[in-house]
N, C-alpha and C. Protein backbone atom coordinates (compact mmCIF):
# COMPACT_ATOMS: atom_id res chain seq x y z
N UNK A 1 22.13 -5.35 74.32
CA UNK A 1 23.19 -6.67 73.37
C UNK A 1 22.32 -7.17 72.35
N UNK A 2 23.14 -7.22 71.12
CA UNK A 2 22.31 -7.87 69.86
C UNK A 2 23.02 -9.22 69.72
N UNK A 3 22.33 -10.09 69.03
CA UNK A 3 23.05 -11.57 68.75
C UNK A 3 22.41 -11.92 67.20
N UNK A 4 23.29 -12.79 66.71
CA UNK A 4 23.16 -13.18 65.34
C UNK A 4 22.02 -14.31 65.50
N UNK A 5 21.07 -14.43 64.25
CA UNK A 5 19.82 -15.20 64.37
C UNK A 5 20.33 -16.56 64.02
N UNK A 6 21.61 -16.91 63.64
CA UNK A 6 21.87 -18.36 63.44
C UNK A 6 22.55 -18.85 64.65
N UNK A 7 23.52 -18.19 65.29
CA UNK A 7 23.78 -19.15 66.38
C UNK A 7 23.89 -18.62 67.86
N UNK A 8 23.22 -17.26 67.56
CA UNK A 8 22.93 -16.89 69.14
C UNK A 8 24.17 -16.15 69.65
N UNK A 9 25.29 -15.94 69.17
CA UNK A 9 26.45 -15.17 69.80
C UNK A 9 26.10 -13.81 70.04
N UNK A 10 26.41 -13.47 71.34
CA UNK A 10 25.99 -12.02 71.37
C UNK A 10 27.06 -11.05 71.21
N UNK A 11 26.80 -9.81 70.74
CA UNK A 11 27.96 -8.72 70.46
C UNK A 11 27.34 -7.55 70.63
N UNK A 12 28.44 -6.33 71.27
CA UNK A 12 27.99 -5.16 71.68
C UNK A 12 28.32 -4.14 70.77
N UNK A 13 27.63 -3.04 70.62
CA UNK A 13 28.07 -1.90 69.69
C UNK A 13 28.29 -0.55 70.71
N UNK A 14 29.54 -0.11 70.46
CA UNK A 14 29.81 0.92 71.48
C UNK A 14 30.28 2.26 70.59
N UNK A 15 29.96 3.57 71.02
CA UNK A 15 30.51 4.45 70.17
C UNK A 15 30.73 5.58 70.96
N UNK A 16 31.35 6.75 70.29
CA UNK A 16 31.63 7.87 71.12
C UNK A 16 30.34 8.60 71.72
N UNK A 17 30.50 8.83 73.01
CA UNK A 17 29.55 9.65 73.60
C UNK A 17 28.96 10.91 73.03
N UNK A 18 27.45 11.39 73.09
CA UNK A 18 27.14 12.72 72.35
C UNK A 18 27.28 13.51 73.45
N UNK A 19 27.82 14.64 72.96
CA UNK A 19 27.79 15.78 74.11
C UNK A 19 26.55 16.60 74.32
N UNK A 20 26.41 16.71 75.48
CA UNK A 20 25.02 17.56 75.84
C UNK A 20 25.22 18.98 75.54
N UNK A 21 24.17 19.59 75.28
CA UNK A 21 23.87 21.30 75.27
C UNK A 21 24.92 21.64 74.20
N UNK A 22 24.64 21.03 72.82
CA UNK A 22 25.56 21.17 71.55
C UNK A 22 24.72 22.12 70.49
N UNK A 23 25.51 23.17 70.16
CA UNK A 23 24.98 24.02 69.09
C UNK A 23 25.27 23.61 67.85
N UNK A 24 24.70 23.35 66.88
CA UNK A 24 25.06 23.04 65.57
C UNK A 24 24.73 24.18 64.59
N UNK A 25 25.82 24.31 63.85
CA UNK A 25 25.81 25.59 63.05
C UNK A 25 26.21 25.36 61.65
N UNK A 26 25.51 25.71 60.71
CA UNK A 26 25.57 25.67 59.16
C UNK A 26 25.45 26.80 58.49
N UNK A 27 26.22 27.08 57.57
CA UNK A 27 26.21 28.37 56.64
C UNK A 27 26.81 28.22 55.47
N UNK A 28 26.31 28.63 54.42
CA UNK A 28 26.93 28.42 53.18
C UNK A 28 26.85 29.85 52.26
N UNK A 29 27.60 29.89 51.28
CA UNK A 29 27.47 30.94 50.21
C UNK A 29 27.68 30.45 48.93
N UNK A 30 26.87 30.63 47.76
CA UNK A 30 27.22 30.40 46.53
C UNK A 30 27.15 31.43 45.55
N UNK A 31 28.05 31.39 44.51
CA UNK A 31 27.95 32.50 43.44
C UNK A 31 28.08 31.95 42.14
N UNK A 32 27.43 32.45 41.19
CA UNK A 32 27.20 31.99 39.73
C UNK A 32 28.61 32.84 39.18
N UNK A 33 29.75 31.97 38.91
CA UNK A 33 30.63 32.54 38.09
C UNK A 33 30.86 32.68 36.75
N UNK A 34 29.94 31.97 36.31
CA UNK A 34 29.70 31.78 34.78
C UNK A 34 28.44 31.57 34.50
N UNK A 35 27.87 31.46 33.24
CA UNK A 35 26.26 31.05 33.10
C UNK A 35 26.41 29.32 33.24
N UNK A 36 27.51 28.56 33.01
CA UNK A 36 27.58 27.21 33.24
C UNK A 36 28.20 26.94 34.70
N UNK A 37 28.78 27.61 35.43
CA UNK A 37 29.58 27.43 36.68
C UNK A 37 29.27 28.19 37.81
N UNK A 38 29.20 27.26 38.99
CA UNK A 38 28.79 27.84 40.24
C UNK A 38 29.83 27.63 41.10
N UNK A 39 30.21 28.53 42.03
CA UNK A 39 31.35 28.41 43.18
C UNK A 39 30.55 28.41 44.30
N UNK A 40 30.84 27.44 45.23
CA UNK A 40 30.06 27.53 46.63
C UNK A 40 30.86 27.27 47.67
N UNK A 41 30.73 27.70 48.96
CA UNK A 41 31.62 27.37 50.25
C UNK A 41 30.63 27.39 51.38
N UNK A 42 30.65 26.28 52.21
CA UNK A 42 29.88 25.89 53.23
C UNK A 42 30.91 25.89 54.75
N UNK A 43 30.40 26.12 55.80
CA UNK A 43 30.76 25.78 57.08
C UNK A 43 29.80 24.66 57.76
N UNK A 44 30.05 24.05 58.53
CA UNK A 44 29.35 23.23 59.15
C UNK A 44 30.21 22.98 60.58
N UNK A 45 29.40 23.28 61.71
CA UNK A 45 30.19 23.18 62.89
C UNK A 45 29.16 22.76 64.39
N UNK A 46 30.01 22.03 65.03
CA UNK A 46 29.22 21.50 66.41
C UNK A 46 29.95 21.92 67.65
N UNK A 47 29.37 22.78 68.31
CA UNK A 47 30.10 23.37 69.38
C UNK A 47 29.45 23.10 70.80
N UNK A 48 30.19 22.40 71.66
CA UNK A 48 29.69 22.14 73.10
C UNK A 48 30.69 22.66 73.97
N UNK A 49 30.76 22.52 75.52
CA UNK A 49 31.54 22.98 76.52
C UNK A 49 32.79 22.93 75.97
N UNK A 50 33.35 21.69 75.89
CA UNK A 50 34.69 21.37 75.63
C UNK A 50 35.31 20.69 74.45
N UNK A 51 34.08 20.55 73.63
CA UNK A 51 34.23 19.78 72.32
C UNK A 51 33.77 20.60 71.00
N UNK A 52 34.63 20.67 70.16
CA UNK A 52 34.30 21.15 68.87
C UNK A 52 34.54 20.43 67.66
N UNK A 53 33.62 20.41 66.69
CA UNK A 53 33.84 19.78 65.54
C UNK A 53 33.31 20.78 64.34
N UNK A 54 34.54 21.16 63.58
CA UNK A 54 34.22 22.02 62.57
C UNK A 54 34.74 21.69 61.24
N UNK A 55 33.83 21.82 60.15
CA UNK A 55 34.04 21.29 58.67
C UNK A 55 33.94 22.51 57.69
N UNK A 56 34.75 22.58 56.75
CA UNK A 56 34.65 23.67 55.68
C UNK A 56 34.70 22.83 54.26
N UNK A 57 33.80 23.24 53.56
CA UNK A 57 33.59 22.31 52.26
C UNK A 57 33.60 23.46 51.06
N UNK A 58 34.19 23.10 50.15
CA UNK A 58 34.10 23.99 48.79
C UNK A 58 33.62 23.20 47.50
N UNK A 59 32.77 23.87 46.68
CA UNK A 59 32.49 22.93 45.63
C UNK A 59 32.39 23.90 44.27
N UNK A 60 32.68 23.45 43.30
CA UNK A 60 32.82 24.01 41.83
C UNK A 60 31.85 23.10 41.13
N UNK A 61 30.81 23.55 40.58
CA UNK A 61 29.92 22.91 39.79
C UNK A 61 30.06 23.42 38.34
N UNK A 62 30.34 22.74 37.46
CA UNK A 62 30.56 23.05 36.21
C UNK A 62 29.64 22.07 35.29
N UNK A 63 28.62 22.86 34.40
CA UNK A 63 27.98 22.23 33.61
C UNK A 63 28.45 22.27 32.06
N UNK A 64 28.56 21.01 31.43
CA UNK A 64 28.95 21.14 29.96
C UNK A 64 28.22 20.07 29.05
């Protein structure tokens, strides 16, 4: 339990429980498509018994 310093009223903080025995996976690939441009794709995943969290990200970096 936490409380504010001025009046002492307490408050609680709750969140989503963390799954046990979770595998964290991250992989990415980048390629230079021009001297001033790079294209990259990455995957991030969190895998547990009955819970999955997946994400894919793509980036285009262009310097000018």
